[in-house]
Amino acid sequence: MSELIPQECDVVILKTGERVGLMDQLDETHFLPDYGVETPEQEEKTMAMMPISIDDIEKVVYRHRPK
């Protein structure tokens, strides 16, 4: 994992190579991911609402900074 600790609203790369947004942090190590809806597979994964673990994350690629 990268030096940045994943947080809500980050965009990350999973160890599977998938790029996802982190919608909600469920606890210290689990998030609800947003895989997007560009393909039926992405939409299905997003709608399944299966949490991902911090251990599944390769690196943080974008961090939202509120104004």
N, C-alpha and C. Protein backbone atom coordinates (compact mmCIF):
# COMPACT_ATOMS: atom_id res chain seq x y z
N MET A 1 0.84 -1.18 0.00
CA MET A 1 0.00 0.00 0.00
C MET A 1 0.88 1.24 0.00
N SER A 2 0.38 2.36 -0.53
CA SER A 2 1.13 3.60 -0.57
C SER A 2 1.25 4.20 0.83
N GLU A 3 1.99 5.32 0.93
CA GLU A 3 2.15 5.97 2.22
C GLU A 3 0.85 6.58 2.73
N LEU A 4 -0.02 7.01 1.83
CA LEU A 4 -1.29 7.60 2.25
C LEU A 4 -2.22 6.53 2.80
N ILE A 5 -2.81 6.80 3.94
CA ILE A 5 -3.79 5.88 4.51
C ILE A 5 -5.13 6.20 3.84
N PRO A 6 -5.79 5.21 3.24
CA PRO A 6 -7.05 5.46 2.55
C PRO A 6 -8.11 6.07 3.47
N GLN A 7 -8.88 7.01 2.89
CA GLN A 7 -9.97 7.68 3.59
C GLN A 7 -11.18 7.73 2.68
N GLU A 8 -12.36 8.05 3.28
CA GLU A 8 -13.57 8.26 2.48
C GLU A 8 -13.28 9.27 1.39
N CYS A 9 -13.88 9.07 0.24
CA CYS A 9 -13.79 9.94 -0.94
C CYS A 9 -12.49 9.82 -1.72
N ASP A 10 -11.55 9.00 -1.27
CA ASP A 10 -10.33 8.76 -2.04
C ASP A 10 -10.65 7.90 -3.26
N VAL A 11 -9.81 8.02 -4.28
CA VAL A 11 -9.83 7.09 -5.40
C VAL A 11 -8.57 6.25 -5.25
N VAL A 12 -8.74 4.93 -5.34
CA VAL A 12 -7.62 4.01 -5.09
C VAL A 12 -7.51 2.98 -6.20
N ILE A 13 -6.34 2.37 -6.27
CA ILE A 13 -6.12 1.22 -7.14
C ILE A 13 -6.07 0.00 -6.23
N LEU A 14 -6.92 -0.98 -6.55
CA LEU A 14 -6.91 -2.23 -5.79
C LEU A 14 -5.78 -3.13 -6.27
N LYS A 15 -5.45 -4.12 -5.50
CA LYS A 15 -4.41 -5.07 -5.88
C LYS A 15 -4.80 -5.85 -7.13
N THR A 16 -6.10 -5.86 -7.47
CA THR A 16 -6.58 -6.50 -8.71
C THR A 16 -6.37 -5.60 -9.92
N GLY A 17 -5.93 -4.35 -9.69
CA GLY A 17 -5.73 -3.40 -10.78
C GLY A 17 -6.94 -2.51 -11.03
N GLU A 18 -8.04 -2.76 -10.35
CA GLU A 18 -9.25 -1.96 -10.55
C GLU A 18 -9.12 -0.61 -9.83
N ARG A 19 -9.67 0.41 -10.47
CA ARG A 19 -9.70 1.75 -9.89
C ARG A 19 -11.09 1.96 -9.30
N VAL A 20 -11.15 2.29 -8.01
CA VAL A 20 -12.44 2.48 -7.34
C VAL A 20 -12.42 3.71 -6.45
N GLY A 21 -13.60 4.25 -6.23
CA GLY A 21 -13.78 5.32 -5.26
C GLY A 21 -14.20 4.71 -3.93
N LEU A 22 -13.79 5.32 -2.85
CA LEU A 22 -14.20 4.86 -1.52
C LEU A 22 -15.35 5.74 -1.06
N MET A 23 -16.56 5.14 -1.00
CA MET A 23 -17.75 5.92 -0.67
C MET A 23 -17.89 6.14 0.82
N ASP A 24 -17.99 5.08 1.57
CA ASP A 24 -18.24 5.17 3.01
C ASP A 24 -17.24 4.31 3.76
N GLN A 25 -16.72 4.83 4.86
CA GLN A 25 -15.84 4.05 5.71
C GLN A 25 -16.70 3.37 6.77
N LEU A 26 -16.66 2.04 6.80
CA LEU A 26 -17.50 1.28 7.71
C LEU A 26 -16.86 1.11 9.08
N ASP A 27 -15.55 0.94 9.10
CA ASP A 27 -14.78 0.84 10.34
C ASP A 27 -13.34 1.23 10.00
N GLU A 28 -12.40 0.95 10.87
CA GLU A 28 -11.03 1.39 10.65
C GLU A 28 -10.38 0.79 9.40
N THR A 29 -10.88 -0.37 8.94
CA THR A 29 -10.20 -1.05 7.83
C THR A 29 -11.11 -1.43 6.66
N HIS A 30 -12.38 -1.03 6.66
CA HIS A 30 -13.30 -1.43 5.58
C HIS A 30 -14.06 -0.24 5.01
N PHE A 31 -14.23 -0.29 3.68
CA PHE A 31 -14.93 0.76 2.94
C PHE A 31 -15.94 0.15 1.98
N LEU A 32 -16.98 0.93 1.65
CA LEU A 32 -17.87 0.57 0.55
C LEU A 32 -17.27 1.19 -0.71
N PRO A 33 -17.00 0.36 -1.73
CA PRO A 33 -16.37 0.88 -2.95
C PRO A 33 -17.38 1.30 -4.01
N ASP A 34 -16.97 2.24 -4.83
CA ASP A 34 -17.73 2.64 -6.02
C ASP A 34 -16.88 2.27 -7.23
N TYR A 35 -17.29 1.20 -7.92
CA TYR A 35 -16.57 0.73 -9.10
C TYR A 35 -16.96 1.50 -10.35
N GLY A 36 -18.00 2.30 -10.26
CA GLY A 36 -18.50 3.02 -11.42
C GLY A 36 -19.67 2.27 -12.05
N VAL A 37 -20.20 2.84 -13.13
CA VAL A 37 -21.35 2.22 -13.81
C VAL A 37 -21.16 2.22 -15.32
N GLU A 38 -19.91 2.31 -15.76
CA GLU A 38 -19.65 2.36 -17.20
C GLU A 38 -19.89 1.02 -17.89
N THR A 39 -19.75 -0.08 -17.15
CA THR A 39 -20.04 -1.40 -17.71
C THR A 39 -21.01 -2.11 -16.77
N PRO A 40 -21.73 -3.11 -17.28
CA PRO A 40 -22.64 -3.86 -16.40
C PRO A 40 -21.89 -4.52 -15.22
N GLU A 41 -20.65 -4.96 -15.46
CA GLU A 41 -19.88 -5.60 -14.39
C GLU A 41 -19.56 -4.60 -13.28
N GLN A 42 -19.16 -3.38 -13.67
CA GLN A 42 -18.87 -2.35 -12.67
C GLN A 42 -20.11 -2.00 -11.87
N GLU A 43 -21.22 -1.83 -12.57
CA GLU A 43 -22.47 -1.48 -11.89
C GLU A 43 -22.88 -2.58 -10.92
N GLU A 44 -22.74 -3.83 -11.34
CA GLU A 44 -23.10 -4.96 -10.48
C GLU A 44 -22.24 -4.97 -9.21
N LYS A 45 -20.93 -4.75 -9.36
CA LYS A 45 -20.04 -4.73 -8.19
C LYS A 45 -20.39 -3.58 -7.24
N THR A 46 -20.67 -2.40 -7.81
CA THR A 46 -21.03 -1.25 -6.98
C THR A 46 -22.33 -1.51 -6.24
N MET A 47 -23.34 -2.03 -6.93
CA MET A 47 -24.65 -2.24 -6.32
C MET A 47 -24.64 -3.39 -5.31
N ALA A 48 -23.66 -4.29 -5.40
CA ALA A 48 -23.58 -5.39 -4.44
C ALA A 48 -23.20 -4.89 -3.04
N MET A 49 -22.59 -3.71 -2.97
CA MET A 49 -22.24 -3.08 -1.69
C MET A 49 -21.39 -4.00 -0.81
N MET A 50 -20.47 -4.74 -1.42
CA MET A 50 -19.56 -5.61 -0.68
C MET A 50 -18.36 -4.79 -0.22
N PRO A 51 -18.14 -4.70 1.09
CA PRO A 51 -17.01 -3.91 1.58
C PRO A 51 -15.66 -4.45 1.09
N ILE A 52 -14.71 -3.53 0.95
CA ILE A 52 -13.34 -3.93 0.66
C ILE A 52 -12.49 -3.58 1.87
N SER A 53 -11.43 -4.33 2.05
CA SER A 53 -10.52 -4.14 3.17
C SER A 53 -9.38 -3.23 2.75
N ILE A 54 -8.83 -2.54 3.71
CA ILE A 54 -7.64 -1.72 3.46
C ILE A 54 -6.52 -2.58 2.88
N ASP A 55 -6.52 -3.87 3.20
CA ASP A 55 -5.50 -4.80 2.68
C ASP A 55 -5.66 -5.06 1.18
N ASP A 56 -6.85 -4.75 0.61
CA ASP A 56 -7.10 -4.93 -0.82
C ASP A 56 -6.58 -3.77 -1.66
N ILE A 57 -6.15 -2.70 -0.99
CA ILE A 57 -5.77 -1.47 -1.67
C ILE A 57 -4.27 -1.43 -1.94
N GLU A 58 -3.94 -1.19 -3.20
CA GLU A 58 -2.53 -1.05 -3.61
C GLU A 58 -2.01 0.35 -3.31
N LYS A 59 -2.77 1.39 -3.77
CA LYS A 59 -2.34 2.76 -3.50
C LYS A 59 -3.48 3.74 -3.69
N VAL A 60 -3.34 4.89 -3.04
CA VAL A 60 -4.27 6.00 -3.19
C VAL A 60 -3.79 6.83 -4.37
N VAL A 61 -4.69 7.09 -5.35
CA VAL A 61 -4.30 7.86 -6.52
C VAL A 61 -4.92 9.26 -6.55
N TYR A 62 -5.94 9.50 -5.73
CA TYR A 62 -6.57 10.81 -5.66
C TYR A 62 -7.17 11.00 -4.29
N ARG A 63 -6.93 12.18 -3.72
CA ARG A 63 -7.53 12.52 -2.44
C ARG A 63 -8.31 13.81 -2.61
N HIS A 64 -9.61 13.73 -2.32
CA HIS A 64 -10.49 14.91 -2.38
C HIS A 64 -10.13 15.86 -1.24
N ARG A 65 -9.92 17.11 -1.56
CA ARG A 65 -9.61 18.12 -0.54
C ARG A 65 -10.75 19.14 -0.53
N PRO A 66 -11.58 19.10 0.52
CA PRO A 66 -12.69 20.06 0.59
C PRO A 66 -12.17 21.50 0.68
N LYS A 67 -12.93 22.42 0.13
CA LYS A 67 -12.52 23.84 0.16
C LYS A 67 -12.84 24.48 1.47
